[in-house]
Amino acid sequence: MARNLGQNLSLPKRVFKGLLNRRLFNLAGAAADYVCTPVDLRNAPVPTDGLLEIVAHPTQLGADFGDAYLNPDESLTQVLEQRLAGVERVSYAVMSRDFQTGTTALE
């Protein structure tokens, strides 16, 4: 999926990424509504509806994980916990199964 939340998304990029994501959804049968990086998640409002995919590039941060796009000493775990506290995690396997049966992934 192409990133569709965050900074640096001009109108042409938004249109292209919207079309690409729609095509990928049609091919895969399941996809997230929103895609962002951990930096986007940290800096932008979290969507209140739909499914959010966070594209991470994990790095080792002591006993924890960082991310290639976060500050070198910033914890990916902490960003996820702070910004997504109480948000249900859903696997693509569940999304695909629910899409095929006509039920929603989040109820």
PDB file of N, CA and C in Angstrom:
ATOM      1  N   MET A   1       0.838  -1.171   0.000  1.00  0.00           N
ATOM      2  CA  MET A   1       0.000   0.000   0.000  1.00  0.00           C
ATOM      3  C   MET A   1       0.885   1.237   0.000  1.00  0.00           C
ATOM      4  N   ALA A   2       0.418   2.261  -0.638  1.00  0.00           N
ATOM      5  CA  ALA A   2       1.149   3.525  -0.684  1.00  0.00           C
ATOM      6  C   ALA A   2       0.721   4.412   0.483  1.00  0.00           C
ATOM      7  N   ARG A   3       1.678   5.094   1.055  1.00  0.00           N
ATOM      8  CA  ARG A   3       1.444   5.997   2.182  1.00  0.00           C
ATOM      9  C   ARG A   3       0.460   7.091   1.761  1.00  0.00           C
ATOM     10  N   ASN A   4      -0.605   7.281   2.557  1.00  0.00           N
ATOM     11  CA  ASN A   4      -1.595   8.299   2.227  1.00  0.00           C
ATOM     12  C   ASN A   4      -1.926   9.220   3.404  1.00  0.00           C
ATOM     13  N   LEU A   5      -1.104   9.172   4.450  1.00  0.00           N
ATOM     14  CA  LEU A   5      -1.210  10.099   5.579  1.00  0.00           C
ATOM     15  C   LEU A   5       0.146  10.747   5.811  1.00  0.00           C
ATOM     16  N   GLY A   6       0.131  11.938   6.338  1.00  0.00           N
ATOM     17  CA  GLY A   6       1.383  12.589   6.706  1.00  0.00           C
ATOM     18  C   GLY A   6       1.732  13.760   5.817  1.00  0.00           C
ATOM     19  N   GLN A   7       2.945  14.235   5.986  1.00  0.00           N
ATOM     20  CA  GLN A   7       3.444  15.389   5.251  1.00  0.00           C
ATOM     21  C   GLN A   7       3.890  14.995   3.845  1.00  0.00           C
ATOM     22  N   ASN A   8       4.222  15.999   3.042  1.00  0.00           N
ATOM     23  CA  ASN A   8       4.801  15.814   1.696  1.00  0.00           C
ATOM     24  C   ASN A   8       3.878  15.101   0.719  1.00  0.00           C
ATOM     25  N   LEU A   9       2.578  15.252   0.885  1.00  0.00           N
ATOM     26  CA  LEU A   9       1.641  14.615  -0.039  1.00  0.00           C
ATOM     27  C   LEU A   9       0.891  15.687  -0.825  1.00  0.00           C
ATOM     28  N   SER A  10       1.471  16.076  -1.940  1.00  0.00           N
ATOM     29  CA  SER A  10       0.831  17.064  -2.806  1.00  0.00           C
ATOM     30  C   SER A  10      -0.407  16.438  -3.450  1.00  0.00           C
ATOM     31  N   LEU A  11      -1.215  17.256  -4.073  1.00  0.00           N
ATOM     32  CA  LEU A  11      -2.429  16.761  -4.727  1.00  0.00           C
ATOM     33  C   LEU A  11      -2.116  15.679  -5.771  1.00  0.00           C
ATOM     34  N   PRO A  12      -1.129  15.886  -6.661  1.00  0.00           N
ATOM     35  CA  PRO A  12      -0.828  14.807  -7.622  1.00  0.00           C
ATOM     36  C   PRO A  12      -0.417  13.501  -6.936  1.00  0.00           C
ATOM     37  N   LYS A  13       0.369  13.596  -5.850  1.00  0.00           N
ATOM     38  CA  LYS A  13       0.763  12.388  -5.118  1.00  0.00           C
ATOM     39  C   LYS A  13      -0.450  11.720  -4.486  1.00  0.00           C
ATOM     40  N   ARG A  14      -1.350  12.523  -3.911  1.00  0.00           N
ATOM     41  CA  ARG A  14      -2.543  11.951  -3.292  1.00  0.00           C
ATOM     42  C   ARG A  14      -3.414  11.217  -4.316  1.00  0.00           C
ATOM     43  N   VAL A  15      -3.581  11.812  -5.478  1.00  0.00           N
ATOM     44  CA  VAL A  15      -4.389  11.187  -6.532  1.00  0.00           C
ATOM     45  C   VAL A  15      -3.738   9.884  -6.980  1.00  0.00           C
ATOM     46  N   PHE A  16      -2.431   9.933  -7.275  1.00  0.00           N
ATOM     47  CA  PHE A  16      -1.724   8.730  -7.722  1.00  0.00           C
ATOM     48  C   PHE A  16      -1.803   7.624  -6.667  1.00  0.00           C
ATOM     49  N   LYS A  17      -1.507   7.966  -5.426  1.00  0.00           N
ATOM     50  CA  LYS A  17      -1.513   6.968  -4.353  1.00  0.00           C
ATOM     51  C   LYS A  17      -2.923   6.433  -4.097  1.00  0.00           C
ATOM     52  N   GLY A  18      -3.926   7.278  -4.224  1.00  0.00           N
ATOM     53  CA  GLY A  18      -5.305   6.820  -4.081  1.00  0.00           C
ATOM     54  C   GLY A  18      -5.667   5.803  -5.146  1.00  0.00           C
ATOM     55  N   LEU A  19      -5.281   6.069  -6.391  1.00  0.00           N
ATOM     56  CA  LEU A  19      -5.547   5.130  -7.484  1.00  0.00           C
ATOM     57  C   LEU A  19      -4.765   3.832  -7.303  1.00  0.00           C
ATOM     58  N   LEU A  20      -3.501   3.947  -6.895  1.00  0.00           N
ATOM     59  CA  LEU A  20      -2.681   2.765  -6.668  1.00  0.00           C
ATOM     60  C   LEU A  20      -3.261   1.915  -5.543  1.00  0.00           C
ATOM     61  N   ASN A  21      -3.634   2.545  -4.450  1.00  0.00           N
ATOM     62  CA  ASN A  21      -4.199   1.789  -3.332  1.00  0.00           C
ATOM     63  C   ASN A  21      -5.514   1.122  -3.703  1.00  0.00           C
ATOM     64  N   ARG A  22      -6.329   1.788  -4.487  1.00  0.00           N
ATOM     65  CA  ARG A  22      -7.591   1.178  -4.933  1.00  0.00           C
ATOM     66  C   ARG A  22      -7.306  -0.057  -5.785  1.00  0.00           C
ATOM     67  N   ARG A  23      -6.323   0.046  -6.659  1.00  0.00           N
ATOM     68  CA  ARG A  23      -5.952  -1.093  -7.513  1.00  0.00           C
ATOM     69  C   ARG A  23      -5.423  -2.253  -6.667  1.00  0.00           C
ATOM     70  N   LEU A  24      -4.564  -1.947  -5.700  1.00  0.00           N
ATOM     71  CA  LEU A  24      -4.030  -2.992  -4.824  1.00  0.00           C
ATOM     72  C   LEU A  24      -5.147  -3.659  -4.020  1.00  0.00           C
ATOM     73  N   PHE A  25      -6.105  -2.863  -3.550  1.00  0.00           N
ATOM     74  CA  PHE A  25      -7.243  -3.420  -2.830  1.00  0.00           C
ATOM     75  C   PHE A  25      -8.020  -4.382  -3.725  1.00  0.00           C
ATOM     76  N   ASN A  26      -8.268  -3.973  -4.955  1.00  0.00           N
ATOM     77  CA  ASN A  26      -9.017  -4.823  -5.881  1.00  0.00           C
ATOM     78  C   ASN A  26      -8.274  -6.124  -6.176  1.00  0.00           C
ATOM     79  N   LEU A  27      -6.951  -6.057  -6.247  1.00  0.00           N
ATOM     80  CA  LEU A  27      -6.164  -7.266  -6.504  1.00  0.00           C
ATOM     81  C   LEU A  27      -6.079  -8.167  -5.279  1.00  0.00           C
ATOM     82  N   ALA A  28      -5.922  -7.571  -4.105  1.00  0.00           N
ATOM     83  CA  ALA A  28      -5.703  -8.353  -2.880  1.00  0.00           C
ATOM     84  C   ALA A  28      -6.991  -8.757  -2.181  1.00  0.00           C
ATOM     85  N   GLY A  29      -8.035  -7.975  -2.327  1.00  0.00           N
ATOM     86  CA  GLY A  29      -9.282  -8.277  -1.648  1.00  0.00           C
ATOM     87  C   GLY A  29      -9.370  -7.741  -0.239  1.00  0.00           C
ATOM     88  N   ALA A  30      -8.282  -7.157   0.255  1.00  0.00           N
ATOM     89  CA  ALA A  30      -8.272  -6.559   1.596  1.00  0.00           C
ATOM     90  C   ALA A  30      -7.116  -5.577   1.657  1.00  0.00           C
ATOM     91  N   ALA A  31      -7.348  -4.477   2.306  1.00  0.00           N
ATOM     92  CA  ALA A  31      -6.292  -3.476   2.436  1.00  0.00           C
ATOM     93  C   ALA A  31      -6.675  -2.479   3.519  1.00  0.00           C
ATOM     94  N   ALA A  32      -5.688  -1.787   4.011  1.00  0.00           N
ATOM     95  CA  ALA A  32      -5.917  -0.741   5.000  1.00  0.00           C
ATOM     96  C   ALA A  32      -6.488   0.493   4.302  1.00  0.00           C
ATOM     97  N   ASP A  33      -7.245   1.274   5.063  1.00  0.00           N
ATOM     98  CA  ASP A  33      -7.774   2.534   4.533  1.00  0.00           C
ATOM     99  C   ASP A  33      -6.725   3.634   4.563  1.00  0.00           C
ATOM    100  N   TYR A  34      -5.852   3.566   5.571  1.00  0.00           N
ATOM    101  CA  TYR A  34      -4.818   4.581   5.775  1.00  0.00           C
ATOM    102  C   TYR A  34      -3.473   3.900   5.952  1.00  0.00           C
ATOM    103  N   VAL A  35      -2.427   4.504   5.398  1.00  0.00           N
ATOM    104  CA  VAL A  35      -1.071   3.982   5.514  1.00  0.00           C
ATOM    105  C   VAL A  35      -0.157   5.134   5.899  1.00  0.00           C
ATOM    106  N   CYS A  36       0.678   4.899   6.923  1.00  0.00           N
ATOM    107  CA  CYS A  36       1.609   5.945   7.350  1.00  0.00           C
ATOM    108  C   CYS A  36       2.875   5.330   7.918  1.00  0.00           C
ATOM    109  N   THR A  37       3.858   6.159   8.181  1.00  0.00           N
ATOM    110  CA  THR A  37       5.090   5.752   8.847  1.00  0.00           C
ATOM    111  C   THR A  37       4.951   6.056  10.338  1.00  0.00           C
ATOM    112  N   PRO A  38       5.837   5.545  11.175  1.00  0.00           N
ATOM    113  CA  PRO A  38       5.807   5.903  12.593  1.00  0.00           C
ATOM    114  C   PRO A  38       5.934   7.415  12.832  1.00  0.00           C
ATOM    115  N   VAL A  39       6.686   8.109  11.999  1.00  0.00           N
ATOM    116  CA  VAL A  39       6.807   9.569  12.132  1.00  0.00           C
ATOM    117  C   VAL A  39       5.466  10.233  11.845  1.00  0.00           C
ATOM    118  N   ASP A  40       4.772   9.784  10.812  1.00  0.00           N
ATOM    119  CA  ASP A  40       3.435  10.311  10.520  1.00  0.00           C
ATOM    120  C   ASP A  40       2.508  10.050  11.694  1.00  0.00           C
ATOM    121  N   LEU A  41       2.587   8.856  12.251  1.00  0.00           N
ATOM    122  CA  LEU A  41       1.744   8.494  13.391  1.00  0.00           C
ATOM    123  C   LEU A  41       2.029   9.398  14.582  1.00  0.00           C
ATOM    124  N   ARG A  42       3.305   9.669  14.820  1.00  0.00           N
ATOM    125  CA  ARG A  42       3.694  10.526  15.941  1.00  0.00           C
ATOM    126  C   ARG A  42       3.229  11.968  15.742  1.00  0.00           C
ATOM    127  N   ASN A  43       3.277  12.467  14.511  1.00  0.00           N
ATOM    128  CA  ASN A  43       3.071  13.896  14.247  1.00  0.00           C
ATOM    129  C   ASN A  43       1.682  14.283  13.769  1.00  0.00           C
ATOM    130  N   ALA A  44       0.907  13.343  13.291  1.00  0.00           N
ATOM    131  CA  ALA A  44      -0.395  13.684  12.694  1.00  0.00           C
ATOM    132  C   ALA A  44      -1.524  13.074  13.521  1.00  0.00           C
ATOM    133  N   PRO A  45      -2.720  13.621  13.397  1.00  0.00           N
ATOM    134  CA  PRO A  45      -3.867  13.016  14.084  1.00  0.00           C
ATOM    135  C   PRO A  45      -4.119  11.594  13.582  1.00  0.00           C
ATOM    136  N   VAL A  46      -4.487  10.714  14.485  1.00  0.00           N
ATOM    137  CA  VAL A  46      -4.806   9.333  14.129  1.00  0.00           C
ATOM    138  C   VAL A  46      -6.217   9.305  13.549  1.00  0.00           C
ATOM    139  N   PRO A  47      -6.428   8.627  12.424  1.00  0.00           N
ATOM    140  CA  PRO A  47      -7.782   8.524  11.871  1.00  0.00           C
ATOM    141  C   PRO A  47      -8.739   7.908  12.885  1.00  0.00           C
ATOM    142  N   THR A  48      -9.964   8.356  12.867  1.00  0.00           N
ATOM    143  CA  THR A  48     -10.956   7.856  13.820  1.00  0.00           C
ATOM    144  C   THR A  48     -11.816   6.742  13.243  1.00  0.00           C
ATOM    145  N   ASP A  49     -11.660   6.448  11.959  1.00  0.00           N
ATOM    146  CA  ASP A  49     -12.421   5.377  11.329  1.00  0.00           C
ATOM    147  C   ASP A  49     -11.514   4.607  10.388  1.00  0.00           C
ATOM    148  N   GLY A  50     -11.896   3.398  10.058  1.00  0.00           N
ATOM    149  CA  GLY A  50     -11.152   2.600   9.104  1.00  0.00           C
ATOM    150  C   GLY A  50      -9.940   1.914   9.719  1.00  0.00           C
ATOM    151  N   LEU A  51      -9.203   1.236   8.846  1.00  0.00           N
ATOM    152  CA  LEU A  51      -8.012   0.500   9.250  1.00  0.00           C
ATOM    153  C   LEU A  51      -6.760   1.290   8.911  1.00  0.00           C
ATOM    154  N   LEU A  52      -5.814   1.293   9.833  1.00  0.00           N
ATOM    155  CA  LEU A  52      -4.556   2.021   9.685  1.00  0.00           C
ATOM    156  C   LEU A  52      -3.411   1.037   9.638  1.00  0.00           C
ATOM    157  N   GLU A  53      -2.574   1.140   8.612  1.00  0.00           N
ATOM    158  CA  GLU A  53      -1.362   0.337   8.498  1.00  0.00           C
ATOM    159  C   GLU A  53      -0.174   1.246   8.754  1.00  0.00           C
ATOM    160  N   ILE A  54       0.728   0.817   9.627  1.00  0.00           N
ATOM    161  CA  ILE A  54       1.947   1.577   9.894  1.00  0.00           C
ATOM    162  C   ILE A  54       3.103   0.826   9.249  1.00  0.00           C
ATOM    163  N   VAL A  55       3.753   1.453   8.296  1.00  0.00           N
ATOM    164  CA  VAL A  55       4.884   0.857   7.603  1.00  0.00           C
ATOM    165  C   VAL A  55       6.134   1.197   8.402  1.00  0.00           C
ATOM    166  N   ALA A  56       6.736   0.182   9.002  1.00  0.00           N
ATOM    167  CA  ALA A  56       7.896   0.393   9.861  1.00  0.00           C
ATOM    168  C   ALA A  56       9.135  -0.252   9.260  1.00  0.00           C
ATOM    169  N   HIS A  57      10.268   0.344   9.564  1.00  0.00           N
ATOM    170  CA  HIS A  57      11.582  -0.186   9.199  1.00  0.00           C
ATOM    171  C   HIS A  57      12.350  -0.317  10.507  1.00  0.00           C
ATOM    172  N   PRO A  58      12.082  -1.393  11.269  1.00  0.00           N
ATOM    173  CA  PRO A  58      12.624  -1.517  12.631  1.00  0.00           C
ATOM    174  C   PRO A  58      14.145  -1.510  12.682  1.00  0.00           C
ATOM    175  N   THR A  59      14.643  -0.912  13.736  1.00  0.00           N
ATOM    176  CA  THR A  59      16.067  -0.918  14.060  1.00  0.00           C
ATOM    177  C   THR A  59      16.203  -1.369  15.507  1.00  0.00           C
ATOM    178  N   GLN A  60      17.377  -1.885  15.840  1.00  0.00           N
ATOM    179  CA  GLN A  60      17.613  -2.310  17.214  1.00  0.00           C
ATOM    180  C   GLN A  60      17.878  -1.085  18.077  1.00  0.00           C
ATOM    181  N   LEU A  61      17.214  -1.013  19.212  1.00  0.00           N
ATOM    182  CA  LEU A  61      17.367   0.100  20.151  1.00  0.00           C
ATOM    183  C   LEU A  61      17.511  -0.514  21.547  1.00  0.00           C
ATOM    184  N   GLY A  62      18.696  -1.016  21.848  1.00  0.00           N
ATOM    185  CA  GLY A  62      18.894  -1.732  23.099  1.00  0.00           C
ATOM    186  C   GLY A  62      18.021  -2.973  23.108  1.00  0.00           C
ATOM    187  N   ALA A  63      17.188  -3.124  24.147  1.00  0.00           N
ATOM    188  CA  ALA A  63      16.258  -4.249  24.236  1.00  0.00           C
ATOM    189  C   ALA A  63      14.936  -3.934  23.544  1.00  0.00           C
ATOM    190  N   ASP A  64      14.830  -2.766  22.943  1.00  0.00           N
ATOM    191  CA  ASP A  64      13.602  -2.286  22.310  1.00  0.00           C
ATOM    192  C   ASP A  64      13.841  -2.165  20.808  1.00  0.00           C
ATOM    193  N   PHE A  65      12.869  -1.582  20.122  1.00  0.00           N
ATOM    194  CA  PHE A  65      12.986  -1.317  18.693  1.00  0.00           C
ATOM    195  C   PHE A  65      12.836   0.169  18.429  1.00  0.00           C
ATOM    196  N   GLY A  66      13.596   0.649  17.468  1.00  0.00           N
ATOM    197  CA  GLY A  66      13.426   1.979  16.929  1.00  0.00           C
ATOM    198  C   GLY A  66      12.864   1.828  15.522  1.00  0.00           C
ATOM    199  N   ASP A  67      12.994   2.869  14.733  1.00  0.00           N
ATOM    200  CA  ASP A  67      12.558   2.837  13.342  1.00  0.00           C
ATOM    201  C   ASP A  67      13.504   3.709  12.542  1.00  0.00           C
ATOM    202  N   ALA A  68      13.748   3.337  11.301  1.00  0.00           N
ATOM    203  CA  ALA A  68      14.684   4.078  10.456  1.00  0.00           C
ATOM    204  C   ALA A  68      14.299   5.544  10.304  1.00  0.00           C
ATOM    205  N   TYR A  69      13.002   5.857  10.397  1.00  0.00           N
ATOM    206  CA  TYR A  69      12.552   7.233  10.208  1.00  0.00           C
ATOM    207  C   TYR A  69      12.424   8.018  11.512  1.00  0.00           C
ATOM    208  N   LEU A  70      12.426   7.333  12.649  1.00  0.00           N
ATOM    209  CA  LEU A  70      12.358   8.018  13.938  1.00  0.00           C
ATOM    210  C   LEU A  70      13.740   8.517  14.337  1.00  0.00           C
ATOM    211  N   ASN A  71      13.790   9.373  15.343  1.00  0.00           N
ATOM    212  CA  ASN A  71      15.070   9.816  15.888  1.00  0.00           C
ATOM    213  C   ASN A  71      15.837   8.595  16.381  1.00  0.00           C
ATOM    214  N   PRO A  72      17.180   8.621  16.334  1.00  0.00           N
ATOM    215  CA  PRO A  72      17.976   7.435  16.689  1.00  0.00           C
ATOM    216  C   PRO A  72      17.687   6.851  18.072  1.00  0.00           C
ATOM    217  N   ASP A  73      17.283   7.670  19.034  1.00  0.00           N
ATOM    218  CA  ASP A  73      17.026   7.178  20.394  1.00  0.00           C
ATOM    219  C   ASP A  73      15.532   7.043  20.699  1.00  0.00           C
ATOM    220  N   GLU A  74      14.684   7.148  19.681  1.00  0.00           N
ATOM    221  CA  GLU A  74      13.232   7.118  19.884  1.00  0.00           C
ATOM    222  C   GLU A  74      12.692   5.701  19.730  1.00  0.00           C
ATOM    223  N   SER A  75      11.870   5.277  20.669  1.00  0.00           N
ATOM    224  CA  SER A  75      11.321   3.930  20.697  1.00  0.00           C
ATOM    225  C   SER A  75      10.082   3.803  19.814  1.00  0.00           C
ATOM    226  N   LEU A  76      10.134   2.872  18.889  1.00  0.00           N
ATOM    227  CA  LEU A  76       8.972   2.558  18.064  1.00  0.00           C
ATOM    228  C   LEU A  76       7.846   2.018  18.942  1.00  0.00           C
ATOM    229  N   THR A  77       8.197   1.183  19.889  1.00  0.00           N
ATOM    230  CA  THR A  77       7.208   0.621  20.814  1.00  0.00           C
ATOM    231  C   THR A  77       6.458   1.718  21.543  1.00  0.00           C
ATOM    232  N   GLN A  78       7.176   2.710  22.044  1.00  0.00           N
ATOM    233  CA  GLN A  78       6.530   3.792  22.786  1.00  0.00           C
ATOM    234  C   GLN A  78       5.641   4.639  21.886  1.00  0.00           C
ATOM    235  N   VAL A  79       6.071   4.923  20.667  1.00  0.00           N
ATOM    236  CA  VAL A  79       5.244   5.696  19.738  1.00  0.00           C
ATOM    237  C   VAL A  79       3.940   4.950  19.469  1.00  0.00           C
ATOM    238  N   LEU A  80       4.039   3.650  19.209  1.00  0.00           N
ATOM    239  CA  LEU A  80       2.832   2.863  18.941  1.00  0.00           C
ATOM    240  C   LEU A  80       1.909   2.826  20.147  1.00  0.00           C
ATOM    241  N   GLU A  81       2.462   2.602  21.325  1.00  0.00           N
ATOM    242  CA  GLU A  81       1.643   2.532  22.538  1.00  0.00           C
ATOM    243  C   GLU A  81       1.002   3.877  22.880  1.00  0.00           C
ATOM    244  N   GLN A  82       1.747   4.959  22.717  1.00  0.00           N
ATOM    245  CA  GLN A  82       1.210   6.282  23.041  1.00  0.00           C
ATOM    246  C   GLN A  82       0.109   6.694  22.076  1.00  0.00           C
ATOM    247  N   ARG A  83       0.319   6.472  20.793  1.00  0.00           N
ATOM    248  CA  ARG A  83      -0.619   6.959  19.785  1.00  0.00           C
ATOM    249  C   ARG A  83      -1.777   6.004  19.522  1.00  0.00           C
ATOM    250  N   LEU A  84      -1.606   4.721  19.858  1.00  0.00           N
ATOM    251  CA  LEU A  84      -2.644   3.733  19.551  1.00  0.00           C
ATOM    252  C   LEU A  84      -3.149   3.013  20.794  1.00  0.00           C
ATOM    253  N   ALA A  85      -3.057   3.667  21.937  1.00  0.00           N
ATOM    254  CA  ALA A  85      -3.538   3.056  23.176  1.00  0.00           C
ATOM    255  C   ALA A  85      -5.018   2.713  23.040  1.00  0.00           C
ATOM    256  N   GLY A  86      -5.359   1.476  23.324  1.00  0.00           N
ATOM    257  CA  GLY A  86      -6.749   1.044  23.274  1.00  0.00           C
ATOM    258  C   GLY A  86      -7.273   0.708  21.889  1.00  0.00           C
ATOM    259  N   VAL A  87      -6.444   0.818  20.863  1.00  0.00           N
ATOM    260  CA  VAL A  87      -6.877   0.514  19.494  1.00  0.00           C
ATOM    261  C   VAL A  87      -6.623  -0.958  19.216  1.00  0.00           C
ATOM    262  N   GLU A  88      -7.637  -1.646  18.718  1.00  0.00           N
ATOM    263  CA  GLU A  88      -7.534  -3.067  18.405  1.00  0.00           C
ATOM    264  C   GLU A  88      -6.578  -3.288  17.239  1.00  0.00           C
ATOM    265  N   ARG A  89      -5.745  -4.320  17.349  1.00  0.00           N
ATOM    266  CA  ARG A  89      -4.850  -4.709  16.257  1.00  0.00           C
ATOM    267  C   ARG A  89      -5.551  -5.799  15.455  1.00  0.00           C
ATOM    268  N   VAL A  90      -5.476  -5.713  14.123  1.00  0.00           N
ATOM    269  CA  VAL A  90      -6.134  -6.661  13.238  1.00  0.00           C
ATOM    270  C   VAL A  90      -5.119  -7.149  12.213  1.00  0.00           C
ATOM    271  N   SER A  91      -5.045  -8.470  12.027  1.00  0.00           N
ATOM    272  CA  SER A  91      -4.110  -9.026  11.051  1.00  0.00           C
ATOM    273  C   SER A  91      -4.724  -8.998   9.647  1.00  0.00           C
ATOM    274  N   TYR A  92      -3.871  -9.061   8.642  1.00  0.00           N
ATOM    275  CA  TYR A  92      -4.374  -9.125   7.277  1.00  0.00           C
ATOM    276  C   TYR A  92      -5.122 -10.430   7.029  1.00  0.00           C
ATOM    277  N   ALA A  93      -4.764 -11.487   7.745  1.00  0.00           N
ATOM    278  CA  ALA A  93      -5.494 -12.749   7.601  1.00  0.00           C
ATOM    279  C   ALA A  93      -6.951 -12.565   8.008  1.00  0.00           C
ATOM    280  N   VAL A  94      -7.189 -11.842   9.088  1.00  0.00           N
ATOM    281  CA  VAL A  94      -8.556 -11.573   9.536  1.00  0.00           C
ATOM    282  C   VAL A  94      -9.262 -10.673   8.532  1.00  0.00           C
ATOM    283  N   MET A  95      -8.573  -9.648   8.054  1.00  0.00           N
ATOM    284  CA  MET A  95      -9.177  -8.738   7.076  1.00  0.00           C
ATOM    285  C   MET A  95      -9.604  -9.496   5.826  1.00  0.00           C
ATOM    286  N   SER A  96      -8.731 -10.345   5.316  1.00  0.00           N
ATOM    287  CA  SER A  96      -9.014 -11.081   4.094  1.00  0.00           C
ATOM    288  C   SER A  96     -10.184 -12.039   4.306  1.00  0.00           C
ATOM    289  N   ARG A  97     -10.188 -12.762   5.429  1.00  0.00           N
ATOM    290  CA  ARG A  97     -11.276 -13.696   5.720  1.00  0.00           C
ATOM    291  C   ARG A  97     -12.603 -12.956   5.829  1.00  0.00           C
ATOM    292  N   ASP A  98     -12.605 -11.838   6.555  1.00  0.00           N
ATOM    293  CA  ASP A  98     -13.834 -11.076   6.740  1.00  0.00           C
ATOM    294  C   ASP A  98     -14.304 -10.455   5.431  1.00  0.00           C
ATOM    295  N   PHE A  99     -13.373 -10.046   4.577  1.00  0.00           N
ATOM    296  CA  PHE A  99     -13.745  -9.501   3.275  1.00  0.00           C
ATOM    297  C   PHE A  99     -14.448 -10.579   2.444  1.00  0.00           C
ATOM    298  N   GLN A 100     -13.890 -11.791   2.478  1.00  0.00           N
ATOM    299  CA  GLN A 100     -14.444 -12.883   1.683  1.00  0.00           C
ATOM    300  C   GLN A 100     -15.815 -13.322   2.195  1.00  0.00           C
ATOM    301  N   THR A 101     -16.054 -13.207   3.503  1.00  0.00           N
ATOM    302  CA  THR A 101     -17.339 -13.635   4.051  1.00  0.00           C
ATOM    303  C   THR A 101     -18.347 -12.501   4.140  1.00  0.00           C
ATOM    304  N   GLY A 102     -17.892 -11.268   3.863  1.00  0.00           N
ATOM    305  CA  GLY A 102     -18.805 -10.145   3.874  1.00  0.00           C
ATOM    306  C   GLY A 102     -19.018  -9.523   5.239  1.00  0.00           C
ATOM    307  N   THR A 103     -18.214  -9.889   6.226  1.00  0.00           N
ATOM    308  CA  THR A 103     -18.315  -9.278   7.560  1.00  0.00           C
ATOM    309  C   THR A 103     -17.240  -8.227   7.714  1.00  0.00           C
ATOM    310  N   THR A 104     -17.366  -7.395   8.721  1.00  0.00           N
ATOM    311  CA  THR A 104     -16.370  -6.351   8.932  1.00  0.00           C
ATOM    312  C   THR A 104     -15.252  -6.863   9.806  1.00  0.00           C
ATOM    313  N   ALA A 105     -14.051  -6.311   9.618  1.00  0.00           N
ATOM    314  CA  ALA A 105     -12.896  -6.716  10.409  1.00  0.00           C
ATOM    315  C   ALA A 105     -12.988  -6.182  11.821  1.00  0.00           C
ATOM    316  N   LEU A 106     -13.555  -4.989  11.976  1.00  0.00           N
ATOM    317  CA  LEU A 106     -13.689  -4.380  13.290  1.00  0.00           C
ATOM    318  C   LEU A 106     -15.162  -4.266  13.635  1.00  0.00           C
ATOM    319  N   GLU A 107     -15.567  -4.878  14.697  1.00  0.00           N
ATOM    320  CA  GLU A 107     -16.971  -4.823  15.074  1.00  0.00           C
ATOM    321  C   GLU A 107     -17.122  -4.191  16.439  1.00  0.00           C
TER     322      GLU A 107
END
